[in-house]
Amino acid sequence: WKKVTGTTIFELIDRYKERIKYLMCTD
């Protein structure tokens, strides 16, 4: 959590959504 990227969480999830079963999201 030291570095904030320019990627949105939705852009990241979209890369994996067809391949995974579980998603953990921490606010």
PDB file of all heavy atoms in Angstrom:
ATOM      1  N   TRP A   1       0.806  -1.221   0.000  1.00  0.00           N
ATOM      2  CA  TRP A   1       0.000   0.000   0.000  1.00  0.00           C
ATOM      3  C   TRP A   1       0.839   1.270   0.000  1.00  0.00           C
ATOM      4  O   TRP A   1       0.329   2.364   0.241  1.00  0.00           O
ATOM      5  CB  TRP A   1      -0.973   0.029   1.176  1.00  0.00           C
ATOM      6  CG  TRP A   1      -1.945  -1.103   1.207  1.00  0.00           C
ATOM      7  CD1 TRP A   1      -2.142  -2.047   0.258  1.00  0.00           C
ATOM      8  CD2 TRP A   1      -2.867  -1.411   2.260  1.00  0.00           C
ATOM      9  NE1 TRP A   1      -3.130  -2.917   0.629  1.00  0.00           N
ATOM     10  CE2 TRP A   1      -3.585  -2.566   1.856  1.00  0.00           C
ATOM     11  CE3 TRP A   1      -3.139  -0.829   3.489  1.00  0.00           C
ATOM     12  CZ2 TRP A   1      -4.567  -3.140   2.651  1.00  0.00           C
ATOM     13  CZ3 TRP A   1      -4.117  -1.399   4.280  1.00  0.00           C
ATOM     14  CH2 TRP A   1      -4.826  -2.540   3.873  1.00  0.00           C
ATOM     15  N   LYS A   2       2.109   1.145  -0.293  1.00  0.00           N
ATOM     16  CA  LYS A   2       2.984   2.325  -0.283  1.00  0.00           C
ATOM     17  C   LYS A   2       2.883   3.131  -1.568  1.00  0.00           C
ATOM     18  O   LYS A   2       3.216   4.325  -1.582  1.00  0.00           O
ATOM     19  CB  LYS A   2       4.448   1.896  -0.077  1.00  0.00           C
ATOM     20  CG  LYS A   2       4.736   1.291   1.283  1.00  0.00           C
ATOM     21  CD  LYS A   2       6.205   0.972   1.446  1.00  0.00           C
ATOM     22  CE  LYS A   2       6.665  -0.115   0.490  1.00  0.00           C
ATOM     23  NZ  LYS A   2       8.092  -0.445   0.663  1.00  0.00           N
ATOM     24  N   LYS A   3       2.458   2.498  -2.665  1.00  0.00           N
ATOM     25  CA  LYS A   3       2.444   3.169  -3.967  1.00  0.00           C
ATOM     26  C   LYS A   3       1.059   3.111  -4.589  1.00  0.00           C
ATOM     27  O   LYS A   3       0.481   2.045  -4.740  1.00  0.00           O
ATOM     28  CB  LYS A   3       3.457   2.513  -4.908  1.00  0.00           C
ATOM     29  CG  LYS A   3       3.512   3.155  -6.286  1.00  0.00           C
ATOM     30  CD  LYS A   3       4.528   2.470  -7.180  1.00  0.00           C
ATOM     31  CE  LYS A   3       4.554   3.093  -8.575  1.00  0.00           C
ATOM     32  NZ  LYS A   3       5.543   2.414  -9.467  1.00  0.00           N
ATOM     33  N   VAL A   4       0.540   4.289  -4.962  1.00  0.00           N
ATOM     34  CA  VAL A   4      -0.741   4.379  -5.661  1.00  0.00           C
ATOM     35  C   VAL A   4      -0.450   4.443  -7.158  1.00  0.00           C
ATOM     36  O   VAL A   4       0.292   5.301  -7.619  1.00  0.00           O
ATOM     37  CB  VAL A   4      -1.538   5.628  -5.239  1.00  0.00           C
ATOM     38  CG1 VAL A   4      -2.889   5.662  -5.961  1.00  0.00           C
ATOM     39  CG2 VAL A   4      -1.747   5.655  -3.733  1.00  0.00           C
ATOM     40  N   THR A   5      -1.045   3.512  -7.904  1.00  0.00           N
ATOM     41  CA  THR A   5      -0.808   3.462  -9.349  1.00  0.00           C
ATOM     42  C   THR A   5      -1.851   4.304 -10.089  1.00  0.00           C
ATOM     43  O   THR A   5      -2.804   4.815  -9.499  1.00  0.00           O
ATOM     44  CB  THR A   5      -0.875   2.015  -9.876  1.00  0.00           C
ATOM     45  OG1 THR A   5      -2.249   1.580  -9.861  1.00  0.00           O
ATOM     46  CG2 THR A   5      -0.032   1.085  -9.013  1.00  0.00           C
ATOM     47  N   GLY A   6      -1.678   4.406 -11.385  1.00  0.00           N
ATOM     48  CA  GLY A   6      -2.652   5.099 -12.217  1.00  0.00           C
ATOM     49  C   GLY A   6      -3.723   4.184 -12.756  1.00  0.00           C
ATOM     50  O   GLY A   6      -4.606   4.616 -13.509  1.00  0.00           O
ATOM     51  N   THR A   7      -3.688   2.912 -12.357  1.00  0.00           N
ATOM     52  CA  THR A   7      -4.643   1.911 -12.834  1.00  0.00           C
ATOM     53  C   THR A   7      -5.866   1.874 -11.929  1.00  0.00           C
ATOM     54  O   THR A   7      -5.733   1.853 -10.700  1.00  0.00           O
ATOM     55  CB  THR A   7      -4.000   0.521 -12.855  1.00  0.00           C
ATOM     56  OG1 THR A   7      -2.819   0.546 -13.655  1.00  0.00           O
ATOM     57  CG2 THR A   7      -4.957  -0.526 -13.404  1.00  0.00           C
ATOM     58  N   THR A   8      -7.052   1.857 -12.506  1.00  0.00           N
ATOM     59  CA  THR A   8      -8.247   1.704 -11.676  1.00  0.00           C
ATOM     60  C   THR A   8      -8.425   0.239 -11.305  1.00  0.00           C
ATOM     61  O   THR A   8      -7.945  -0.659 -12.005  1.00  0.00           O
ATOM     62  CB  THR A   8      -9.518   2.179 -12.401  1.00  0.00           C
ATOM     63  OG1 THR A   8      -9.828   1.283 -13.464  1.00  0.00           O
ATOM     64  CG2 THR A   8      -9.336   3.591 -12.942  1.00  0.00           C
ATOM     65  N   ILE A   9      -9.125   0.004 -10.228  1.00  0.00           N
ATOM     66  CA  ILE A   9      -9.361  -1.375  -9.808  1.00  0.00           C
ATOM     67  C   ILE A   9     -10.167  -2.124 -10.867  1.00  0.00           C
ATOM     68  O   ILE A   9      -9.997  -3.329 -11.040  1.00  0.00           O
ATOM     69  CB  ILE A   9     -10.063  -1.432  -8.438  1.00  0.00           C
ATOM     70  CG1 ILE A   9     -11.409  -0.722  -8.466  1.00  0.00           C
ATOM     71  CG2 ILE A   9      -9.164  -0.851  -7.364  1.00  0.00           C
ATOM     72  CD1 ILE A   9     -12.210  -0.887  -7.186  1.00  0.00           C
ATOM     73  N   PHE A  10     -11.003  -1.424 -11.603  1.00  0.00           N
ATOM     74  CA  PHE A  10     -11.825  -2.072 -12.628  1.00  0.00           C
ATOM     75  C   PHE A  10     -10.959  -2.518 -13.809  1.00  0.00           C
ATOM     76  O   PHE A  10     -11.179  -3.595 -14.367  1.00  0.00           O
ATOM     77  CB  PHE A  10     -12.928  -1.121 -13.088  1.00  0.00           C
ATOM     78  CG  PHE A  10     -13.699  -0.519 -11.954  1.00  0.00           C
ATOM     79  CD1 PHE A  10     -13.609   0.834 -11.675  1.00  0.00           C
ATOM     80  CD2 PHE A  10     -14.497  -1.305 -11.139  1.00  0.00           C
ATOM     81  CE1 PHE A  10     -14.299   1.388 -10.623  1.00  0.00           C
ATOM     82  CE2 PHE A  10     -15.200  -0.763 -10.072  1.00  0.00           C
ATOM     83  CZ  PHE A  10     -15.094   0.598  -9.812  1.00  0.00           C
ATOM     84  N   GLU A  11      -9.989  -1.706 -14.171  1.00  0.00           N
ATOM     85  CA  GLU A  11      -9.072  -2.089 -15.243  1.00  0.00           C
ATOM     86  C   GLU A  11      -8.289  -3.337 -14.849  1.00  0.00           C
ATOM     87  O   GLU A  11      -8.054  -4.226 -15.681  1.00  0.00           O
ATOM     88  CB  GLU A  11      -8.117  -0.936 -15.558  1.00  0.00           C
ATOM     89  CG  GLU A  11      -8.782   0.249 -16.242  1.00  0.00           C
ATOM     90  CD  GLU A  11      -7.892   1.478 -16.303  1.00  0.00           C
ATOM     91  OE1 GLU A  11      -6.980   1.615 -15.449  1.00  0.00           O
ATOM     92  OE2 GLU A  11      -8.112   2.313 -17.202  1.00  0.00           O
ATOM     93  N   LEU A  12      -7.885  -3.400 -13.580  1.00  0.00           N
ATOM     94  CA  LEU A  12      -7.140  -4.577 -13.112  1.00  0.00           C
ATOM     95  C   LEU A  12      -8.021  -5.822 -13.106  1.00  0.00           C
ATOM     96  O   LEU A  12      -7.620  -6.883 -13.600  1.00  0.00           O
ATOM     97  CB  LEU A  12      -6.587  -4.309 -11.710  1.00  0.00           C
ATOM     98  CG  LEU A  12      -5.837  -5.468 -11.061  1.00  0.00           C
ATOM     99  CD1 LEU A  12      -4.637  -5.880 -11.894  1.00  0.00           C
ATOM    100  CD2 LEU A  12      -5.401  -5.113  -9.648  1.00  0.00           C
ATOM    101  N   ILE A  13      -9.207  -5.701 -12.562  1.00  0.00           N
ATOM    102  CA  ILE A  13     -10.104  -6.855 -12.486  1.00  0.00           C
ATOM    103  C   ILE A  13     -10.437  -7.388 -13.872  1.00  0.00           C
ATOM    104  O   ILE A  13     -10.515  -8.608 -14.084  1.00  0.00           O
ATOM    105  CB  ILE A  13     -11.388  -6.486 -11.721  1.00  0.00           C
ATOM    106  CG1 ILE A  13     -11.048  -6.126 -10.281  1.00  0.00           C
ATOM    107  CG2 ILE A  13     -12.387  -7.638 -11.755  1.00  0.00           C
ATOM    108  CD1 ILE A  13     -12.187  -5.449  -9.531  1.00  0.00           C
ATOM    109  N   ASP A  14     -10.608  -6.477 -14.826  1.00  0.00           N
ATOM    110  CA  ASP A  14     -10.957  -6.890 -16.185  1.00  0.00           C
ATOM    111  C   ASP A  14      -9.910  -7.809 -16.807  1.00  0.00           C
ATOM    112  O   ASP A  14     -10.225  -8.621 -17.683  1.00  0.00           O
ATOM    113  CB  ASP A  14     -11.165  -5.665 -17.078  1.00  0.00           C
ATOM    114  CG  ASP A  14     -12.488  -4.958 -16.809  1.00  0.00           C
ATOM    115  OD1 ASP A  14     -13.368  -5.565 -16.169  1.00  0.00           O
ATOM    116  OD2 ASP A  14     -12.628  -3.781 -17.219  1.00  0.00           O
ATOM    117  N   ARG A  15      -8.658  -7.708 -16.350  1.00  0.00           N
ATOM    118  CA  ARG A  15      -7.600  -8.555 -16.885  1.00  0.00           C
ATOM    119  C   ARG A  15      -7.761 -10.015 -16.447  1.00  0.00           C
ATOM    120  O   ARG A  15      -7.235 -10.919 -17.101  1.00  0.00           O
ATOM    121  CB  ARG A  15      -6.229  -8.042 -16.419  1.00  0.00           C
ATOM    122  CG  ARG A  15      -5.881  -6.645 -16.898  1.00  0.00           C
ATOM    123  CD  ARG A  15      -4.657  -6.134 -16.151  1.00  0.00           C
ATOM    124  NE  ARG A  15      -4.306  -4.767 -16.541  1.00  0.00           N
ATOM    125  CZ  ARG A  15      -3.478  -3.975 -15.861  1.00  0.00           C
ATOM    126  NH1 ARG A  15      -2.916  -4.433 -14.744  1.00  0.00           N
ATOM    127  NH2 ARG A  15      -3.213  -2.764 -16.277  1.00  0.00           N
ATOM    128  N   TYR A  16      -8.462 -10.227 -15.335  1.00  0.00           N
ATOM    129  CA  TYR A  16      -8.509 -11.563 -14.745  1.00  0.00           C
ATOM    130  C   TYR A  16      -9.913 -12.163 -14.643  1.00  0.00           C
ATOM    131  O   TYR A  16     -10.048 -13.349 -14.324  1.00  0.00           O
ATOM    132  CB  TYR A  16      -7.916 -11.510 -13.327  1.00  0.00           C
ATOM    133  CG  TYR A  16      -6.473 -11.111 -13.275  1.00  0.00           C
ATOM    134  CD1 TYR A  16      -6.105  -9.794 -12.987  1.00  0.00           C
ATOM    135  CD2 TYR A  16      -5.455 -12.029 -13.527  1.00  0.00           C
ATOM    136  CE1 TYR A  16      -4.764  -9.412 -12.940  1.00  0.00           C
ATOM    137  CE2 TYR A  16      -4.114 -11.659 -13.486  1.00  0.00           C
ATOM    138  CZ  TYR A  16      -3.782 -10.350 -13.194  1.00  0.00           C
ATOM    139  OH  TYR A  16      -2.455  -9.980 -13.154  1.00  0.00           O
ATOM    140  N   LYS A  17     -10.931 -11.389 -14.893  1.00  0.00           N
ATOM    141  CA  LYS A  17     -12.294 -11.793 -14.554  1.00  0.00           C
ATOM    142  C   LYS A  17     -12.741 -13.100 -15.191  1.00  0.00           C
ATOM    143  O   LYS A  17     -13.581 -13.823 -14.628  1.00  0.00           O
ATOM    144  CB  LYS A  17     -13.277 -10.680 -14.910  1.00  0.00           C
ATOM    145  CG  LYS A  17     -13.347 -10.349 -16.389  1.00  0.00           C
ATOM    146  CD  LYS A  17     -14.316  -9.202 -16.634  1.00  0.00           C
ATOM    147  CE  LYS A  17     -14.395  -8.856 -18.115  1.00  0.00           C
ATOM    148  NZ  LYS A  17     -15.316  -7.734 -18.367  1.00  0.00           N
ATOM    149  N   GLU A  18     -12.182 -13.439 -16.351  1.00  0.00           N
ATOM    150  CA  GLU A  18     -12.581 -14.680 -17.022  1.00  0.00           C
ATOM    151  C   GLU A  18     -11.809 -15.895 -16.514  1.00  0.00           C
ATOM    152  O   GLU A  18     -12.138 -17.029 -16.863  1.00  0.00           O
ATOM    153  CB  GLU A  18     -12.366 -14.553 -18.538  1.00  0.00           C
ATOM    154  CG  GLU A  18     -13.069 -13.374 -19.188  1.00  0.00           C
ATOM    155  CD  GLU A  18     -14.581 -13.462 -19.105  1.00  0.00           C
ATOM    156  OE1 GLU A  18     -15.098 -14.592 -18.965  1.00  0.00           O
ATOM    157  OE2 GLU A  18     -15.241 -12.406 -19.168  1.00  0.00           O
ATOM    158  N   ARG A  19     -10.803 -15.657 -15.670  1.00  0.00           N
ATOM    159  CA  ARG A  19      -9.891 -16.752 -15.297  1.00  0.00           C
ATOM    160  C   ARG A  19      -9.937 -17.111 -13.803  1.00  0.00           C
ATOM    161  O   ARG A  19      -9.329 -18.108 -13.410  1.00  0.00           O
ATOM    162  CB  ARG A  19      -8.445 -16.354 -15.650  1.00  0.00           C
ATOM    163  CG  ARG A  19      -8.267 -15.857 -17.085  1.00  0.00           C
ATOM    164  CD  ARG A  19      -8.158 -16.976 -18.066  1.00  0.00           C
ATOM    165  NE  ARG A  19      -6.848 -17.605 -18.004  1.00  0.00           N
ATOM    166  CZ  ARG A  19      -5.764 -17.140 -18.624  1.00  0.00           C
ATOM    167  NH1 ARG A  19      -5.836 -16.043 -19.366  1.00  0.00           N
ATOM    168  NH2 ARG A  19      -4.610 -17.771 -18.542  1.00  0.00           N
ATOM    169  N   ILE A  20     -10.600 -16.284 -13.007  1.00  0.00           N
ATOM    170  CA  ILE A  20     -10.558 -16.495 -11.561  1.00  0.00           C
ATOM    171  C   ILE A  20     -11.950 -16.753 -11.001  1.00  0.00           C
ATOM    172  O   ILE A  20     -12.962 -16.520 -11.659  1.00  0.00           O
ATOM    173  CB  ILE A  20      -9.931 -15.283 -10.834  1.00  0.00           C
ATOM    174  CG1 ILE A  20     -10.734 -14.011 -11.137  1.00  0.00           C
ATOM    175  CG2 ILE A  20      -8.468 -15.130 -11.210  1.00  0.00           C
ATOM    176  CD1 ILE A  20     -10.323 -12.804 -10.310  1.00  0.00           C
ATOM    177  N   LYS A  21     -11.963 -17.222  -9.764  1.00  0.00           N
ATOM    178  CA  LYS A  21     -13.209 -17.480  -9.058  1.00  0.00           C
ATOM    179  C   LYS A  21     -13.422 -16.480  -7.925  1.00  0.00           C
ATOM    180  O   LYS A  21     -14.553 -16.104  -7.623  1.00  0.00           O
ATOM    181  CB  LYS A  21     -13.197 -18.912  -8.501  1.00  0.00           C
ATOM    182  CG  LYS A  21     -14.492 -19.337  -7.837  1.00  0.00           C
ATOM    183  CD  LYS A  21     -14.417 -20.805  -7.406  1.00  0.00           C
ATOM    184  CE  LYS A  21     -15.716 -21.231  -6.742  1.00  0.00           C
ATOM    185  NZ  LYS A  21     -15.664 -22.664  -6.312  1.00  0.00           N
ATOM    186  N   TYR A  22     -12.312 -16.055  -7.292  1.00  0.00           N
ATOM    187  CA  TYR A  22     -12.400 -15.196  -6.114  1.00  0.00           C
ATOM    188  C   TYR A  22     -11.733 -13.839  -6.333  1.00  0.00           C
ATOM    189  O   TYR A  22     -10.652 -13.748  -6.919  1.00  0.00           O
ATOM    190  CB  TYR A  22     -11.722 -15.870  -4.918  1.00  0.00           C
ATOM    191  CG  TYR A  22     -12.320 -17.202  -4.558  1.00  0.00           C
ATOM    192  CD1 TYR A  22     -11.669 -18.386  -4.907  1.00  0.00           C
ATOM    193  CD2 TYR A  22     -13.526 -17.296  -3.868  1.00  0.00           C
ATOM    194  CE1 TYR A  22     -12.211 -19.627  -4.587  1.00  0.00           C
ATOM    195  CE2 TYR A  22     -14.074 -18.525  -3.543  1.00  0.00           C
ATOM    196  CZ  TYR A  22     -13.409 -19.684  -3.901  1.00  0.00           C
ATOM    197  OH  TYR A  22     -13.943 -20.895  -3.587  1.00  0.00           O
ATOM    198  N   LEU A  23     -12.377 -12.799  -5.816  1.00  0.00           N
ATOM    199  CA  LEU A  23     -11.841 -11.445  -5.849  1.00  0.00           C
ATOM    200  C   LEU A  23     -11.959 -10.840  -4.461  1.00  0.00           C
ATOM    201  O   LEU A  23     -13.038 -10.827  -3.870  1.00  0.00           O
ATOM    202  CB  LEU A  23     -12.627 -10.592  -6.851  1.00  0.00           C
ATOM    203  CG  LEU A  23     -12.334  -9.090  -6.848  1.00  0.00           C
ATOM    204  CD1 LEU A  23     -10.928  -8.819  -7.371  1.00  0.00           C
ATOM    205  CD2 LEU A  23     -13.374  -8.338  -7.684  1.00  0.00           C
ATOM    206  N   MET A  24     -10.844 -10.364  -3.930  1.00  0.00           N
ATOM    207  CA  MET A  24     -10.840  -9.685  -2.645  1.00  0.00           C
ATOM    208  C   MET A  24     -10.522  -8.213  -2.865  1.00  0.00           C
ATOM    209  O   MET A  24      -9.530  -7.884  -3.507  1.00  0.00           O
ATOM    210  CB  MET A  24      -9.791 -10.304  -1.705  1.00  0.00           C
ATOM    211  CG  MET A  24      -9.743  -9.673  -0.320  1.00  0.00           C
ATOM    212  SD  MET A  24      -8.398 -10.384   0.671  1.00  0.00           S
ATOM    213  CE  MET A  24      -8.889 -12.103   0.724  1.00  0.00           C
ATOM    214  N   CYS A  25     -11.357  -7.344  -2.354  1.00  0.00           N
ATOM    215  CA  CYS A  25     -11.131  -5.909  -2.526  1.00  0.00           C
ATOM    216  C   CYS A  25     -11.066  -5.228  -1.163  1.00  0.00           C
ATOM    217  O   CYS A  25     -12.013  -5.324  -0.367  1.00  0.00           O
ATOM    218  CB  CYS A  25     -12.235  -5.280  -3.372  1.00  0.00           C
ATOM    219  SG  CYS A  25     -11.990  -3.521  -3.676  1.00  0.00           S
ATOM    220  N   THR A  26      -9.966  -4.546  -0.924  1.00  0.00           N
ATOM    221  CA  THR A  26      -9.769  -3.796   0.311  1.00  0.00           C
ATOM    222  C   THR A  26      -9.836  -2.307   0.031  1.00  0.00           C
ATOM    223  O   THR A  26      -9.107  -1.793  -0.814  1.00  0.00           O
ATOM    224  CB  THR A  26      -8.397  -4.119   0.944  1.00  0.00           C
ATOM    225  OG1 THR A  26      -8.310  -5.516   1.217  1.00  0.00           O
ATOM    226  CG2 THR A  26      -8.203  -3.339   2.240  1.00  0.00           C
ATOM    227  N   ASP A  27     -10.715  -1.613   0.731  1.00  0.00           N
ATOM    228  CA  ASP A  27     -10.765  -0.155   0.660  1.00  0.00           C
ATOM    229  C   ASP A  27      -9.813   0.378   1.726  1.00  0.00           C
ATOM    230  O   ASP A  27     -10.131   0.386   2.914  1.00  0.00           O
ATOM    231  CB  ASP A  27     -12.187   0.345   0.900  1.00  0.00           C
ATOM    232  CG  ASP A  27     -12.315   1.843   0.703  1.00  0.00           C
ATOM    233  OD1 ASP A  27     -11.310   2.555   0.888  1.00  0.00           O
ATOM    234  OD2 ASP A  27     -13.407   2.309   0.374  1.00  0.00           O
TER     235      ASP A  27
END
